C-alpha atoms as a PDB file:
ATOM      1  CA  GLY A   1       5.914  -3.132 -19.194  1.00  0.00           C
ATOM      2  CA  THR A   2       6.932  -3.056 -22.921  1.00  0.00           C
ATOM      3  CA  ALA A   3       6.246  -0.110 -24.853  1.00  0.00           C
ATOM      4  CA  GLY A   4       4.969   1.497 -21.541  1.00  0.00           C
ATOM      5  CA  LEU A   5       1.944  -0.792 -21.307  1.00  0.00           C
ATOM      6  CA  VAL A   6       0.511  -2.315 -18.100  1.00  0.00           C
ATOM      7  CA  SER A   7      -1.950  -5.157 -17.870  1.00  0.00           C
ATOM      8  CA  LEU A   8      -5.395  -5.059 -16.044  1.00  0.00           C
ATOM      9  CA  TYR A   9      -6.784  -8.113 -14.380  1.00  0.00           C
ATOM     10  CA  ASN A  10     -10.184  -9.065 -13.295  1.00  0.00           C
ATOM     11  CA  ALA A  11     -10.193 -12.450 -11.277  1.00  0.00           C
ATOM     12  CA  ALA A  12     -13.709 -13.195 -11.941  1.00  0.00           C
ATOM     13  CA  GLY A  13     -16.872 -11.866 -13.394  1.00  0.00           C
ATOM     14  CA  SER A  14     -17.243  -8.612 -15.500  1.00  0.00           C
ATOM     15  CA  ALA A  15     -15.720  -5.156 -13.972  1.00  0.00           C
ATOM     16  CA  ASN A  16     -15.445  -1.616 -15.362  1.00  0.00           C
ATOM     17  CA  LEU A  17     -11.621  -0.785 -14.933  1.00  0.00           C
ATOM     18  CA  ILE A  18     -10.633   2.979 -14.461  1.00  0.00           C
ATOM     19  CA  ALA A  19      -7.158   3.517 -14.374  1.00  0.00           C
ATOM     20  CA  ASP A  20      -5.569   6.596 -13.582  1.00  0.00           C
ATOM     21  CA  VAL A  21      -1.988   8.093 -13.491  1.00  0.00           C
ATOM     22  CA  ALA A  22      -0.587   9.617  -9.996  1.00  0.00           C
ATOM     23  CA  GLY A  23       2.993  10.217 -10.982  1.00  0.00           C
ATOM     24  CA  TRP A  24       6.132   8.609 -12.590  1.00  0.00           C
ATOM     25  CA  PHE A  25       9.754   7.778 -12.117  1.00  0.00           C
ATOM     26  CA  PRO A  26      12.285   9.176 -14.841  1.00  0.00           C
ATOM     27  CA  THR A  27      14.349   6.887 -17.143  1.00  0.00           C
ATOM     28  CA  GLY A  28      17.368   6.004 -14.961  1.00  0.00           C
ATOM     29  CA  SER A  29      16.150   6.524 -11.364  1.00  0.00           C
ATOM     30  CA  SER A  30      16.695   4.262  -9.090  1.00  0.00           C
ATOM     31  CA  TYR A  31      12.930   2.843  -8.381  1.00  0.00           C
ATOM     32  CA  THR A  32      12.613  -0.626  -8.766  1.00  0.00           C
ATOM     33  CA  PRO A  33       9.142  -2.213  -9.365  1.00  0.00           C
ATOM     34  CA  VAL A  34       8.314  -5.810  -8.306  1.00  0.00           C
ATOM     35  CA  VAL A  35       5.953  -8.187  -9.039  1.00  0.00           C
ATOM     36  CA  PRO A  36       3.257  -7.391  -6.523  1.00  0.00           C
ATOM     37  CA  ALA A  37       3.690  -9.275  -3.289  1.00  0.00           C
ATOM     38  CA  ARG A  38       0.988  -9.280  -0.343  1.00  0.00           C
ATOM     39  CA  LEU A  39       2.788  -8.397   2.790  1.00  0.00           C
ATOM     40  CA  LEU A  40      -0.286  -8.037   4.748  1.00  0.00           C
ATOM     41  CA  ASP A  41      -3.349  -9.422   5.343  1.00  0.00           C
ATOM     42  CA  THR A  42      -5.214  -9.235   8.363  1.00  0.00           C
ATOM     43  CA  ARG A  43      -8.844 -11.075   7.358  1.00  0.00           C
ATOM     44  CA  PRO A  44      -9.101 -14.569   9.440  1.00  0.00           C
ATOM     45  CA  ASP A  45      -8.527 -16.328   6.020  1.00  0.00           C
ATOM     46  CA  GLY A  46      -6.230 -13.814   4.601  1.00  0.00           C
ATOM     47  CA  SER A  47      -2.751 -15.100   3.367  1.00  0.00           C
ATOM     48  CA  THR A  48       0.852 -13.357   2.308  1.00  0.00           C
ATOM     49  CA  PHE A  49       3.576 -14.097  -0.086  1.00  0.00           C
ATOM     50  CA  ASP A  50       5.446 -15.604   2.812  1.00  0.00           C
ATOM     51  CA  GLY A  51       2.835 -16.579   5.232  1.00  0.00           C
ATOM     52  CA  THR A  52       3.992 -13.618   7.666  1.00  0.00           C
ATOM     53  CA  ASN A  53       1.375 -11.029   8.429  1.00  0.00           C
ATOM     54  CA  ALA A  54      -1.141 -12.916   7.731  1.00  0.00           C
ATOM     55  CA  ARG A  55      -4.333 -13.370   9.709  1.00  0.00           C
ATOM     56  CA  ASP A  56      -3.172 -10.690  12.225  1.00  0.00           C
ATOM     57  CA  GLY A  57      -6.525  -9.181  13.232  1.00  0.00           C
ATOM     58  CA  ALA A  58      -8.477  -6.492  11.913  1.00  0.00           C
ATOM     59  CA  LEU A  59      -6.983  -2.865  12.841  1.00  0.00           C
ATOM     60  CA  VAL A  60      -8.945  -1.255  15.533  1.00  0.00           C
ATOM     61  CA  ALA A  61     -10.077   2.174  16.192  1.00  0.00           C
ATOM     62  CA  GLY A  62      -7.213   4.549  17.026  1.00  0.00           C
ATOM     63  CA  GLY A  63      -4.730   1.666  16.566  1.00  0.00           C
ATOM     64  CA  SER A  64      -1.739   1.574  14.486  1.00  0.00           C
ATOM     65  CA  ARG A  65       0.501  -1.181  13.446  1.00  0.00           C
ATOM     66  CA  ASP A  66       3.937  -1.756  12.179  1.00  0.00           C
ATOM     67  CA  LEU A  67       4.604  -3.287   9.002  1.00  0.00           C
ATOM     68  CA  GLN A  68       8.170  -4.732   7.578  1.00  0.00           C
ATOM     69  CA  VAL A  69       8.235  -3.439   4.379  1.00  0.00           C
ATOM     70  CA  THR A  70      12.262  -4.497   3.875  1.00  0.00           C
ATOM     71  CA  GLY A  71      13.843  -7.435   3.075  1.00  0.00           C
ATOM     72  CA  ARG A  72      10.759  -9.255   2.079  1.00  0.00           C
ATOM     73  CA  ASP A  73      10.459 -10.734  -1.380  1.00  0.00           C
ATOM     74  CA  ALA A  74      12.049  -8.433  -3.687  1.00  0.00           C
ATOM     75  CA  ILE A  75      12.788  -5.645  -1.841  1.00  0.00           C
ATOM     76  CA  PRO A  76      16.229  -5.532  -0.144  1.00  0.00           C
ATOM     77  CA  THR A  77      16.695  -5.189   3.403  1.00  0.00           C
ATOM     78  CA  SER A  78      19.240  -2.214   3.206  1.00  0.00           C
ATOM     79  CA  GLY A  79      19.172   0.745   0.589  1.00  0.00           C
ATOM     80  CA  VAL A  80      15.302   1.376   0.697  1.00  0.00           C
ATOM     81  CA  GLU A  81      14.234   5.141   1.584  1.00  0.00           C
ATOM     82  CA  ALA A  82      10.463   4.432  -0.002  1.00  0.00           C
ATOM     83  CA  VAL A  83       7.926   2.189  -1.290  1.00  0.00           C
ATOM     84  CA  ILE A  84       5.067   2.052  -3.218  1.00  0.00           C
ATOM     85  CA  LEU A  85       2.103  -0.005  -1.723  1.00  0.00           C
ATOM     86  CA  ASN A  86      -1.548  -0.979  -2.636  1.00  0.00           C
ATOM     87  CA  VAL A  87      -3.431  -0.481   0.576  1.00  0.00           C
ATOM     88  CA  THR A  88      -6.998  -1.921   0.603  1.00  0.00           C
ATOM     89  CA  ALA A  89      -9.321  -1.278   3.482  1.00  0.00           C
ATOM     90  CA  VAL A  90     -12.054  -4.577   3.703  1.00  0.00           C
ATOM     91  CA  ALA A  91     -15.562  -4.147   5.288  1.00  0.00           C
ATOM     92  CA  PRO A  92     -14.730  -1.289   7.955  1.00  0.00           C
ATOM     93  CA  SER A  93     -17.482  -1.623  10.701  1.00  0.00           C
ATOM     94  CA  ALA A  94     -17.767   1.945  10.362  1.00  0.00           C
ATOM     95  CA  ASN A  95     -16.769   5.085   8.278  1.00  0.00           C
ATOM     96  CA  THR A  96     -12.905   5.165   8.553  1.00  0.00           C
ATOM     97  CA  PHE A  97      -9.583   6.242   6.997  1.00  0.00           C
ATOM     98  CA  VAL A  98      -6.489   4.855   6.699  1.00  0.00           C
ATOM     99  CA  THR A  99      -2.922   6.543   7.356  1.00  0.00           C
ATOM    100  CA  VAL A 100       0.399   5.073   6.048  1.00  0.00           C
ATOM    101  CA  TYR A 101       3.451   6.964   7.707  1.00  0.00           C
ATOM    102  CA  PRO A 102       6.966   5.730   8.739  1.00  0.00           C
ATOM    103  CA  ALA A 103       7.406   3.754  11.716  1.00  0.00           C
ATOM    104  CA  GLY A 104       8.339   6.037  14.612  1.00  0.00           C
ATOM    105  CA  ALA A 105       7.533   9.051  13.144  1.00  0.00           C
ATOM    106  CA  THR A 106       4.465  11.030  14.738  1.00  0.00           C
ATOM    107  CA  LYS A 107       1.404  10.229  12.769  1.00  0.00           C
ATOM    108  CA  PRO A 108       0.242  13.092  10.585  1.00  0.00           C
ATOM    109  CA  ASN A 109      -2.788  14.417  10.462  1.00  0.00           C
ATOM    110  CA  ALA A 110      -3.839  13.117   6.703  1.00  0.00           C
ATOM    111  CA  SER A 111      -5.429   9.907   5.198  1.00  0.00           C
ATOM    112  CA  ASN A 112      -4.008   7.759   2.375  1.00  0.00           C
ATOM    113  CA  LEU A 113      -7.398   5.903   2.267  1.00  0.00           C
ATOM    114  CA  ASN A 114     -10.994   6.929   3.129  1.00  0.00           C
ATOM    115  CA  VAL A 115     -13.703   4.024   3.419  1.00  0.00           C
ATOM    116  CA  ALA A 116     -17.286   4.171   4.126  1.00  0.00           C
ATOM    117  CA  ALA A 117     -18.592   1.355   6.556  1.00  0.00           C
ATOM    118  CA  GLY A 118     -18.901  -2.468   4.874  1.00  0.00           C
ATOM    119  CA  GLN A 119     -17.330  -0.992   1.656  1.00  0.00           C
ATOM    120  CA  ILE A 120     -13.826  -2.286  -0.134  1.00  0.00           C
ATOM    121  CA  ASN A 121     -11.447   0.595  -0.869  1.00  0.00           C
ATOM    122  CA  ALA A 122      -7.451   0.149  -2.212  1.00  0.00           C
ATOM    123  CA  ASN A 123      -5.196   3.479  -2.762  1.00  0.00           C
ATOM    124  CA  LEU A 124      -1.674   3.261  -4.212  1.00  0.00           C
ATOM    125  CA  VAL A 125       0.603   4.881  -1.523  1.00  0.00           C
ATOM    126  CA  GLY A 126       3.818   6.204  -1.543  1.00  0.00           C
ATOM    127  CA  ALA A 127       5.243   5.766   1.780  1.00  0.00           C
ATOM    128  CA  LYS A 128       8.722   6.377   3.326  1.00  0.00           C
ATOM    129  CA  ALA A 129      10.117   3.784   5.290  1.00  0.00           C
ATOM    130  CA  GLY A 130      10.517   4.576   8.759  1.00  0.00           C
ATOM    131  CA  ALA A 131      12.277   2.559  12.193  1.00  0.00           C
ATOM    132  CA  GLY A 132      13.707  -0.714  11.341  1.00  0.00           C
ATOM    133  CA  ARG A 133      12.702  -0.393   7.778  1.00  0.00           C
ATOM    134  CA  LYS A 134       8.815  -0.132   8.506  1.00  0.00           C
ATOM    135  CA  VAL A 135       5.770   1.740   7.962  1.00  0.00           C
ATOM    136  CA  ALA A 136       3.067   2.025  10.288  1.00  0.00           C
ATOM    137  CA  LEU A 137      -0.751   1.595   9.417  1.00  0.00           C
ATOM    138  CA  PHE A 138      -3.243   3.715  11.306  1.00  0.00           C
ATOM    139  CA  ASN A 139      -7.249   3.097  11.283  1.00  0.00           C
ATOM    140  CA  ALA A 140      -9.386   5.793  12.536  1.00  0.00           C
ATOM    141  CA  ALA A 141     -12.593   4.403  13.395  1.00  0.00           C
ATOM    142  CA  GLY A 142     -14.256   0.934  13.869  1.00  0.00           C
ATOM    143  CA  GLU A 143     -12.720  -2.015  12.816  1.00  0.00           C
ATOM    144  CA  THR A 144     -11.484  -2.810   9.398  1.00  0.00           C
ATOM    145  CA  SER A 145      -9.606  -5.637   7.718  1.00  0.00           C
ATOM    146  CA  VAL A 146      -6.256  -4.372   5.575  1.00  0.00           C
ATOM    147  CA  LEU A 147      -4.440  -5.712   2.996  1.00  0.00           C
ATOM    148  CA  VAL A 148      -1.189  -4.251   1.825  1.00  0.00           C
ATOM    149  CA  ILE A 149       0.829  -5.402  -1.431  1.00  0.00           C
ATOM    150  CA  VAL A 150       4.275  -3.409  -2.306  1.00  0.00           C
ATOM    151  CA  GLU A 151       4.890  -2.733  -5.801  1.00  0.00           C
ATOM    152  CA  GLY A 152       8.204  -1.297  -5.618  1.00  0.00           C
ATOM    153  CA  GLY A 153      10.993   0.587  -3.709  1.00  0.00           C
ATOM    154  CA  THR A 154      13.668   3.460  -3.967  1.00  0.00           C
ATOM    155  CA  PRO A 155      16.711   4.632  -2.256  1.00  0.00           C
ATOM    156  CA  HIS A 156      15.885   8.186  -3.226  1.00  0.00           C
ATOM    157  CA  ALA A 157      11.907   9.164  -2.263  1.00  0.00           C
ATOM    158  CA  HIS A 158      12.485  12.261  -4.288  1.00  0.00           C
ATOM    159  CA  GLN A 159      13.042  10.731  -7.398  1.00  0.00           C
ATOM    160  CA  PHE A 160       8.924  10.309  -7.769  1.00  0.00           C
ATOM    161  CA  THR A 161       7.537  13.361 -10.042  1.00  0.00           C
ATOM    162  CA  ALA A 162       3.463  13.302  -8.760  1.00  0.00           C
ATOM    163  CA  CYS A 163       1.194  14.619 -11.075  1.00  0.00           C
ATOM    164  CA  VAL A 164      -2.481  15.698 -11.378  1.00  0.00           C
ATOM    165  CA  PRO A 165      -4.314  12.083 -11.453  1.00  0.00           C
ATOM    166  CA  ALA A 166      -5.817  11.893 -14.812  1.00  0.00           C
ATOM    167  CA  PRO A 167      -7.562   8.894 -16.615  1.00  0.00           C
ATOM    168  CA  LEU A 168      -5.430   6.699 -18.799  1.00  0.00           C
ATOM    169  CA  CYS A 169      -8.714   4.857 -20.641  1.00  0.00           C
END
């Protein structure tokens, strides 16, 4: 935003907020941030900005689900190689992890989000778009509801500069 600032919002009550920097895109890069839009919400009462991929049912143990990330909201249908997503696991039935990877690719031996049974955890994920311009989401154990919010996209995944996460405030 203006002067390099971001806004932090709490919907209800009070909360301690922590913001960490994980990296940046340089001025002039082709990264396009968008107003966050929910692309997936598997909860029984879930909703998405367009009604697609809402209430699709929890991810099961060892299961994967493909999610269309291009051509939705402000992300163009073509010319997008990678997206920045906020991925949230909601109240899994067992300790688990979620892995986000390009659809159609072999699932990597890694996790993007680790969450304890019954908890809610979110993480910012940079993901390359795969077959059909989709990402795949894998759940390791139990069942978990998952929310995915798109934050932006780029036609050149290599333009992101990662850094050791550091507190902002």
